[in-house]
N, C-alpha and C. Protein backbone atom coordinates (compact mmCIF):
# COMPACT_ATOMS: atom_id res chain seq x y z
N MET A 1 0.46 -1.08 -0.04
CA MET A 1 -0.50 -0.17 0.07
C MET A 1 1.07 1.81 0.08
N ASP A 2 0.63 2.05 -0.59
CA ASP A 2 0.98 3.56 -0.85
C ASP A 2 0.82 4.04 0.70
N LYS A 3 2.12 4.53 1.40
CA LYS A 3 1.63 5.65 2.10
C LYS A 3 1.65 6.91 2.14
N ASP A 4 1.68 7.68 0.67
CA ASP A 4 1.76 8.84 0.34
C ASP A 4 0.28 9.09 0.14
N LYS A 5 -0.74 7.82 -0.49
CA LYS A 5 -1.76 8.02 -0.37
C LYS A 5 -3.03 8.21 0.71
N VAL A 6 -2.15 7.90 1.83
CA VAL A 6 -2.12 7.79 2.58
C VAL A 6 -3.14 9.37 3.22
N THR A 7 -2.13 9.33 3.34
CA THR A 7 -1.56 11.15 3.65
C THR A 7 -1.89 11.91 3.09
N LYS A 8 -2.59 11.74 1.56
CA LYS A 8 -2.76 12.84 0.48
C LYS A 8 -4.34 12.85 0.43
N GLY A 9 -5.34 12.57 1.12
CA GLY A 9 -6.35 12.30 1.27
C GLY A 9 -7.19 11.05 0.63
N VAL A 10 -6.22 10.55 0.00
CA VAL A 10 -7.31 9.13 -0.10
C VAL A 10 -8.32 9.01 0.38
N HIS A 11 -9.78 8.41 0.06
CA HIS A 11 -11.05 7.94 0.72
C HIS A 11 -10.62 7.79 2.11
N TYR A 12 -10.54 7.70 2.82
CA TYR A 12 -10.38 6.75 4.79
C TYR A 12 -11.19 5.52 4.28
N THR A 13 -12.37 5.01 3.45
CA THR A 13 -12.98 3.93 3.11
C THR A 13 -12.15 3.17 2.42
N ARG A 14 -11.89 3.27 1.17
CA ARG A 14 -10.36 2.61 0.66
C ARG A 14 -9.40 2.53 0.74
N THR A 15 -9.17 2.63 1.95
CA THR A 15 -7.50 2.17 3.03
C THR A 15 -8.02 1.34 3.05
N ILE A 16 -9.18 1.56 4.33
CA ILE A 16 -9.48 0.49 4.84
C ILE A 16 -9.30 -0.74 4.02
N LEU A 17 -10.11 -0.47 3.14
CA LEU A 17 -10.91 -1.78 2.27
C LEU A 17 -9.19 -2.90 1.87
N GLU A 18 -7.86 -2.09 1.44
CA GLU A 18 -6.89 -2.39 0.31
C GLU A 18 -6.09 -2.64 1.65
N LEU A 19 -6.42 -2.19 3.34
CA LEU A 19 -5.73 -2.98 4.45
C LEU A 19 -6.43 -4.54 4.96
N MET A 20 -7.39 -4.92 4.24
CA MET A 20 -8.43 -5.68 4.84
C MET A 20 -8.05 -6.97 3.68
N LYS A 21 -7.64 -6.47 2.84
CA LYS A 21 -6.43 -7.22 1.22
C LYS A 21 -5.49 -7.55 1.37
N THR A 22 -4.72 -6.81 2.53
CA THR A 22 -3.39 -6.71 2.49
C THR A 22 -2.68 -8.74 3.64
N GLU A 23 -1.88 -9.32 2.41
CA GLU A 23 -1.02 -10.55 3.11
C GLU A 23 -0.94 -10.40 4.41
N ALA A 24 -0.12 -9.38 4.59
CA ALA A 24 -0.46 -9.09 6.46
C ALA A 24 -0.94 -8.64 7.26
N PHE A 25 -2.40 -8.68 6.93
CA PHE A 25 -3.28 -8.21 7.51
C PHE A 25 -4.11 -8.91 7.50
N GLU A 26 -3.68 -9.81 7.03
CA GLU A 26 -5.62 -10.90 6.94
C GLU A 26 -5.61 -11.39 7.67
N GLY A 27 -7.30 -11.15 7.85
CA GLY A 27 -8.01 -11.08 8.96
C GLY A 27 -7.50 -9.79 10.32
N ARG A 28 -6.69 -9.09 10.34
CA ARG A 28 -6.57 -8.35 12.20
C ARG A 28 -7.61 -6.96 11.43
N VAL A 29 -7.58 -6.95 9.70
CA VAL A 29 -8.46 -5.57 9.66
C VAL A 29 -9.85 -5.57 9.58
N PHE A 30 -10.91 -5.06 10.58
CA PHE A 30 -12.19 -5.32 10.71
C PHE A 30 -12.50 -3.24 11.01
N ALA A 31 -14.12 -3.25 10.29
CA ALA A 31 -14.73 -1.70 10.07
C ALA A 31 -15.64 -2.26 10.34
N ASP A 32 -16.48 -1.14 11.37
CA ASP A 32 -17.82 -1.06 11.51
C ASP A 32 -18.82 -0.09 10.63
N ILE A 33 -19.98 -0.12 11.31
CA ILE A 33 -20.93 0.58 10.51
C ILE A 33 -21.95 1.21 11.43
N SER A 34 -21.19 1.91 11.35
CA SER A 34 -21.52 2.42 12.79
C SER A 34 -21.67 4.49 12.56
N PHE A 35 -22.93 4.85 12.76
CA PHE A 35 -23.84 6.48 13.17
C PHE A 35 -23.21 6.62 11.00
N HIS A 36 -23.40 5.36 10.46
CA HIS A 36 -23.79 5.83 9.29
C HIS A 36 -25.15 5.89 9.21
N THR A 37 -25.74 7.51 9.18
CA THR A 37 -26.78 7.64 8.73
C THR A 37 -27.39 8.93 7.48
N SER A 38 -26.39 8.21 6.61
CA SER A 38 -26.53 8.95 5.95
C SER A 38 -27.69 8.05 4.77
N PRO A 39 -27.85 7.23 4.92
CA PRO A 39 -28.91 5.94 3.87
C PRO A 39 -29.80 7.06 4.45
N MET A 40 -30.52 7.32 5.31
CA MET A 40 -31.78 7.42 5.87
C MET A 40 -32.08 9.42 5.68
N GLU A 41 -31.16 9.89 4.43
CA GLU A 41 -31.85 11.24 3.91
C GLU A 41 -32.47 11.59 2.91
N SER A 42 -32.38 9.56 2.01
CA SER A 42 -33.15 9.96 0.83
C SER A 42 -32.87 8.48 0.54
N ARG A 43 -33.72 8.58 -0.49
CA ARG A 43 -33.94 6.98 -0.91
C ARG A 43 -32.85 6.97 -1.92
N ARG A 44 -32.08 7.57 -3.07
CA ARG A 44 -31.25 7.60 -3.35
C ARG A 44 -30.56 7.46 -3.12
N ASN A 45 -29.71 7.82 -1.79
CA ASN A 45 -28.48 7.88 -0.55
C ASN A 45 -28.60 5.99 -0.17
N ARG A 46 -29.84 5.44 0.01
CA ARG A 46 -29.84 4.62 0.91
C ARG A 46 -29.78 3.46 -0.23
N ARG A 47 -30.12 3.20 -1.46
CA ARG A 47 -29.81 2.59 -2.55
C ARG A 47 -28.24 2.36 -2.30
N THR A 48 -28.11 3.41 -2.54
CA THR A 48 -26.26 3.76 -2.93
C THR A 48 -25.64 2.52 -1.58
N TYR A 49 -26.14 3.59 -0.77
CA TYR A 49 -25.53 2.98 0.65
C TYR A 49 -25.26 1.20 0.55
N PHE A 50 -26.75 0.72 0.78
CA PHE A 50 -27.07 -0.86 0.99
C PHE A 50 -26.68 -1.26 -0.63
N LYS A 51 -26.72 -0.62 -1.68
CA LYS A 51 -26.21 -1.17 -2.76
C LYS A 51 -24.46 -1.44 -2.30
N ARG A 52 -24.26 -0.94 -1.42
CA ARG A 52 -22.24 -1.20 -1.92
C ARG A 52 -22.24 -1.71 -1.20
N LEU A 53 -22.82 -1.01 0.08
CA LEU A 53 -22.66 -2.80 1.46
C LEU A 53 -23.37 -4.01 0.90
N GLY A 54 -24.45 -4.46 0.77
CA GLY A 54 -23.63 -5.84 -0.21
C GLY A 54 -22.95 -5.83 -0.56
N ALA A 55 -22.44 -5.39 -1.57
CA ALA A 55 -21.66 -6.27 -2.63
C ALA A 55 -20.56 -6.29 -1.70
N LEU A 56 -20.26 -5.26 -0.89
CA LEU A 56 -18.74 -5.95 0.87
C LEU A 56 -19.19 -7.01 0.71
N LEU A 57 -20.15 -7.32 1.41
CA LEU A 57 -21.07 -8.23 2.14
C LEU A 57 -21.25 -9.50 1.08
N GLU A 58 -20.78 -9.47 -0.43
CA GLU A 58 -20.93 -11.09 -0.60
C GLU A 58 -19.80 -10.91 -1.02
N ASP A 59 -18.80 -10.36 -0.83
CA ASP A 59 -17.28 -10.27 -1.51
C ASP A 59 -16.32 -10.85 -0.52
N PRO A 60 -15.89 -12.24 -0.26
CA PRO A 60 -14.96 -12.39 0.78
C PRO A 60 -13.75 -11.91 1.29
N ASP A 61 -13.12 -11.43 0.79
CA ASP A 61 -12.42 -10.18 1.13
C ASP A 61 -13.07 -9.69 2.34
N TYR A 62 -13.85 -9.52 1.53
CA TYR A 62 -14.42 -7.99 3.10
C TYR A 62 -14.95 -8.73 4.13
N ALA A 63 -16.26 -9.45 3.74
CA ALA A 63 -17.94 -9.68 4.12
C ALA A 63 -17.43 -10.16 6.03
N SER A 64 -16.36 -11.09 6.16
CA SER A 64 -15.78 -11.65 7.15
C SER A 64 -15.31 -10.59 7.73
N GLN A 65 -14.75 -9.14 7.96
CA GLN A 65 -14.25 -7.95 8.36
C GLN A 65 -15.15 -6.70 8.52
N ILE A 66 -16.40 -6.89 8.65
CA ILE A 66 -17.16 -5.84 8.70
C ILE A 66 -18.16 -5.88 9.56
N LEU A 67 -18.32 -5.21 10.83
CA LEU A 67 -18.54 -5.28 12.23
C LEU A 67 -20.28 -4.00 11.95
N TRP A 68 -21.17 -4.32 12.77
CA TRP A 68 -22.22 -3.84 13.77
C TRP A 68 -22.03 -2.68 14.09
N GLY A 69 -22.33 -1.68 14.21
CA GLY A 69 -22.27 -0.93 15.38
C GLY A 69 -22.89 0.34 15.38
N THR A 70 -22.91 0.83 16.48
CA THR A 70 -23.75 2.07 16.65
C THR A 70 -23.04 3.26 16.85
N ASP A 71 -22.06 3.23 17.19
CA ASP A 71 -21.79 4.78 17.90
C ASP A 71 -23.12 6.16 18.29
N TYR A 72 -23.40 4.90 20.04
CA TYR A 72 -24.24 4.63 20.85
C TYR A 72 -24.38 6.86 20.81
N PHE A 73 -23.37 7.30 21.24
CA PHE A 73 -23.30 8.49 21.97
C PHE A 73 -24.20 9.12 20.75
N LEU A 74 -23.40 9.02 19.35
CA LEU A 74 -23.37 9.77 18.25
C LEU A 74 -24.63 10.04 17.94
N ILE A 75 -25.66 8.83 17.80
CA ILE A 75 -26.58 7.96 17.29
C ILE A 75 -27.77 8.88 18.31
N ARG A 76 -27.37 8.64 19.50
CA ARG A 76 -29.12 9.25 21.02
C ARG A 76 -28.99 11.16 20.16
N GLN A 77 -28.45 11.68 18.81
CA GLN A 77 -27.92 12.55 18.81
C GLN A 77 -29.52 13.11 17.77
N ARG A 78 -29.28 12.11 16.92
CA ARG A 78 -30.27 12.01 15.51
C ARG A 78 -31.59 10.72 16.11
N LEU A 79 -31.78 9.71 16.77
CA LEU A 79 -32.97 8.64 16.39
C LEU A 79 -32.18 8.05 18.06
N SER A 80 -32.96 6.68 18.47
CA SER A 80 -32.57 6.35 18.97
C SER A 80 -32.14 5.10 18.37
N GLU A 81 -31.17 4.09 19.53
CA GLU A 81 -29.95 3.28 18.43
C GLU A 81 -31.57 1.93 18.50
N GLU A 82 -32.86 2.23 19.26
CA GLU A 82 -33.18 0.69 18.86
C GLU A 82 -33.66 1.74 17.55
N SER A 83 -33.63 2.54 17.20
CA SER A 83 -34.67 3.00 15.48
C SER A 83 -33.11 2.33 14.31
N TYR A 84 -32.49 2.97 14.83
CA TYR A 84 -30.79 3.15 14.07
C TYR A 84 -31.19 1.32 13.89
N GLN A 85 -31.16 0.15 14.59
CA GLN A 85 -30.90 -1.18 14.41
C GLN A 85 -32.22 -2.11 13.53
N GLU A 86 -33.23 -1.37 14.24
CA GLU A 86 -34.84 -1.83 13.29
C GLU A 86 -34.46 -0.78 11.72
N TYR A 87 -33.75 -0.08 11.20
CA TYR A 87 -33.62 0.85 10.43
C TYR A 87 -33.03 -0.62 9.29
N PHE A 88 -31.94 -1.27 9.83
CA PHE A 88 -30.43 -1.77 9.03
C PHE A 88 -30.95 -2.95 9.15
N GLU A 89 -31.89 -3.56 10.08
CA GLU A 89 -32.49 -5.21 10.17
C GLU A 89 -33.72 -4.72 9.15
N ARG A 90 -34.88 -3.92 8.57
CA ARG A 90 -35.28 -3.36 6.95
C ARG A 90 -34.54 -3.76 6.11
N TYR A 91 -33.21 -3.62 5.70
CA TYR A 91 -32.96 -3.44 4.64
C TYR A 91 -31.10 -4.14 4.38
N LEU A 92 -31.50 -4.92 5.94
CA LEU A 92 -30.11 -5.85 4.96
C LEU A 92 -30.41 -6.67 5.42
N ASP A 93 -30.37 -8.14 5.15
CA ASP A 93 -31.01 -9.86 4.98
C ASP A 93 -30.91 -10.16 6.43
N ALA A 94 -31.43 -10.89 7.41
CA ALA A 94 -31.52 -11.91 8.67
C ALA A 94 -29.64 -11.99 8.51
N ASP A 95 -29.00 -13.16 7.56
CA ASP A 95 -28.18 -13.59 7.90
C ASP A 95 -27.05 -12.13 7.20
N ASP A 96 -27.07 -11.53 6.36
CA ASP A 96 -26.17 -10.62 6.55
C ASP A 96 -26.32 -9.50 7.92
N MET A 97 -27.81 -9.51 9.02
CA MET A 97 -27.35 -8.46 10.09
C MET A 97 -26.41 -9.63 10.69
N GLN A 98 -26.42 -10.65 10.76
CA GLN A 98 -25.45 -12.15 12.13
C GLN A 98 -24.44 -11.74 11.72
N LEU A 99 -23.98 -12.22 10.49
CA LEU A 99 -23.25 -12.68 10.08
C LEU A 99 -22.06 -10.34 10.57
N ILE A 100 -23.09 -9.06 10.70
CA ILE A 100 -22.15 -8.59 11.50
C ILE A 100 -22.59 -7.75 12.81
N ALA A 101 -23.67 -7.81 13.03
CA ALA A 101 -24.07 -8.24 14.65
C ALA A 101 -23.06 -9.74 15.30
N GLU A 102 -22.60 -10.34 15.01
CA GLU A 102 -22.36 -12.08 15.64
C GLU A 102 -21.54 -12.48 15.31
N VAL A 103 -21.71 -13.15 14.71
CA VAL A 103 -20.31 -13.59 13.61
C VAL A 103 -19.10 -13.00 13.66
N ASN A 104 -18.52 -11.75 12.85
CA ASN A 104 -17.98 -11.25 12.81
C ASN A 104 -17.01 -10.44 14.27
N PRO A 105 -17.93 -10.06 14.49
CA PRO A 105 -17.83 -9.11 16.31
C PRO A 105 -17.67 -10.55 16.91
N ALA A 106 -18.03 -11.69 16.85
CA ALA A 106 -17.17 -12.71 17.64
C ALA A 106 -15.73 -13.45 17.74
N ARG A 107 -15.22 -13.63 16.11
CA ARG A 107 -14.46 -13.48 15.83
C ARG A 107 -13.07 -12.27 15.82
N PHE A 108 -13.71 -10.89 15.57
CA PHE A 108 -12.87 -9.68 15.99
C PHE A 108 -12.28 -9.69 17.34
N LEU A 109 -13.12 -10.61 18.51
CA LEU A 109 -13.16 -10.45 20.06
C LEU A 109 -11.68 -11.79 20.48
N GLY A 110 -11.85 -12.33 18.84
CA GLY A 110 -10.88 -14.13 19.37
C GLY A 110 -11.87 -14.83 20.25
N LEU A 111 -13.71 -14.51 19.64
CA LEU A 111 -14.55 -15.90 20.71
C LEU A 111 -14.55 -16.87 19.79
N ASP A 112 -14.60 -16.81 18.37
CA ASP A 112 -14.15 -17.85 17.36
C ASP A 112 -13.60 -18.80 17.59
N GLU A 113 -14.51 -20.44 17.25
CA GLU A 113 -13.21 -21.33 17.49
C GLU A 113 -12.38 -21.22 17.13
N GLU A 114 -12.45 -20.96 15.45
CA GLU A 114 -11.24 -20.38 14.79
C GLU A 114 -10.32 -20.03 14.95
N TYR A 115 -10.91 -18.69 15.69
CA TYR A 115 -9.88 -17.70 16.00
C TYR A 115 -9.15 -17.56 17.22
N LEU A 116 -10.05 -17.87 18.13
CA LEU A 116 -10.04 -17.94 19.34
C LEU A 116 -8.46 -17.50 19.51
N ARG A 117 -8.28 -16.49 20.55
CA ARG A 117 -7.53 -15.88 20.86
C ARG A 117 -6.95 -17.43 22.03
N PRO A 118 -5.56 -16.86 21.69
CA PRO A 118 -3.82 -17.93 22.41
C PRO A 118 -5.09 -17.39 24.38
N ASN A 119 -4.91 -16.34 24.42
CA ASN A 119 -5.31 -15.73 26.08
C ASN A 119 -6.55 -17.24 26.36
N LEU A 120 -7.49 -16.79 25.26
CA LEU A 120 -8.84 -17.57 25.85
C LEU A 120 -8.72 -18.87 25.04
N ARG A 121 -8.09 -19.25 23.82
CA ARG A 121 -7.99 -20.95 24.03
C ARG A 121 -7.54 -21.46 25.64
N ARG A 122 -6.32 -20.70 26.32
CA ARG A 122 -5.81 -21.37 27.65
C ARG A 122 -6.96 -21.58 28.77
N HIS A 123 -7.30 -19.89 28.74
CA HIS A 123 -8.08 -20.03 29.57
C HIS A 123 -9.63 -21.17 29.49
N VAL A 124 -10.13 -21.59 28.15
CA VAL A 124 -11.23 -22.03 27.99
C VAL A 124 -10.68 -23.85 28.70
N LEU A 125 -8.91 -23.67 28.22
CA LEU A 125 -8.77 -25.16 28.24
C LEU A 125 -8.21 -25.41 30.33
N SER A 126 -7.81 -24.88 30.83
CA SER A 126 -7.75 -24.19 32.13
C SER A 126 -10.04 -24.74 32.90
N LEU A 127 -10.11 -23.98 31.80
CA LEU A 127 -12.03 -24.68 33.10
C LEU A 127 -11.96 -25.47 32.89
N ARG A 128 -11.33 -26.67 31.44
CA ARG A 128 -12.09 -27.56 30.28
C ARG A 128 -11.35 -29.23 31.99
N GLN A 129 -10.27 -28.39 31.91
CA GLN A 129 -9.32 -29.28 32.84
C GLN A 129 -9.74 -29.06 34.78
N ASN A 130 -9.32 -28.17 34.91
CA ASN A 130 -11.00 -28.04 36.03
C ASN A 130 -12.00 -28.33 36.73
N LYS A 131 -12.80 -28.60 36.02
CA LYS A 131 -14.33 -28.50 35.65
C LYS A 131 -15.00 -28.78 37.67
N GLU A 132 -14.72 -30.01 36.86
CA GLU A 132 -15.08 -30.59 38.54
C GLU A 132 -15.04 -30.20 39.65
N ASN A 133 -13.49 -29.45 39.46
CA ASN A 133 -14.09 -28.13 41.11
C ASN A 133 -14.25 -26.60 40.91
N LEU A 134 -14.11 -26.56 40.00
CA LEU A 134 -15.37 -25.28 39.61
C LEU A 134 -16.23 -24.86 40.21
N ASP A 135 -17.50 -23.86 40.73
CA ASP A 135 -18.56 -23.29 40.01
C ASP A 135 -18.33 -23.22 38.29
N LEU A 136 -19.21 -23.62 37.57
CA LEU A 136 -19.47 -23.34 36.09
C LEU A 136 -20.55 -22.96 36.03
N SER A 137 -21.68 -22.51 37.17
CA SER A 137 -23.12 -22.21 36.86
C SER A 137 -23.56 -21.22 35.82
N ASN A 138 -22.30 -20.43 36.05
CA ASN A 138 -22.62 -18.62 35.81
C ASN A 138 -21.98 -18.30 35.11
N LEU A 139 -21.57 -18.99 34.25
CA LEU A 139 -20.29 -18.52 33.33
C LEU A 139 -21.50 -18.18 31.72
N ALA A 140 -20.28 -16.90 30.93
CA ALA A 140 -20.70 -16.85 29.95
C ALA A 140 -21.19 -18.10 28.99
N GLU A 141 -22.99 -17.21 27.73
CA GLU A 141 -22.36 -18.42 27.07
C GLU A 141 -21.23 -18.02 26.05
N TRP A 142 -20.71 -17.58 25.53
CA TRP A 142 -19.95 -17.65 24.64
C TRP A 142 -18.58 -18.70 25.14
N VAL A 143 -18.48 -19.58 26.21
CA VAL A 143 -17.44 -19.89 27.89
C VAL A 143 -17.99 -21.27 27.22
N GLU A 144 -19.92 -21.30 27.83
CA GLU A 144 -20.40 -22.83 27.24
C GLU A 144 -19.71 -23.27 26.73
N GLY A 145 -19.94 -22.45 25.50
CA GLY A 145 -20.45 -22.94 24.23
C GLY A 145 -19.27 -24.49 24.11
N TYR A 146 -18.00 -24.02 24.55
CA TYR A 146 -16.11 -24.08 24.50
C TYR A 146 -16.16 -25.37 25.72
N LEU A 147 -16.94 -25.26 26.35
CA LEU A 147 -16.91 -26.41 27.34
C LEU A 147 -17.25 -27.89 26.65
N ARG A 148 -18.55 -27.64 25.95
CA ARG A 148 -19.54 -28.85 26.31
C ARG A 148 -19.34 -30.23 25.29
């Protein structure tokens, strides 16, 4: 990637997309869609926005690295978080919404089976090895999944 392009004002989105496809950063660059209210401003904006987002979600180079976000402190200045989420759920299919709101964030946080971070892997291993001596009745859902 040409560092000069980044500093000379090439659109930020393009830079992030380039990083997502760069082998050196594979699976480590994520972008969220948060405080994206421009699609709400007009039908044309909505069509353009969701067409572009849909294309990214269909592209294997990007789909696993897009996260749902709200930037709630900014959203609250314009609408409720619930309204914002309902808007996106109306224009994205359920599978895409699940991908960006559940699957990809789990991967980002290292909670995905395939991408479980080393520190979390050690934690789960310790729980498995010591489960007879521990009270495991109040575990987070993601941990329970690894202990089954």
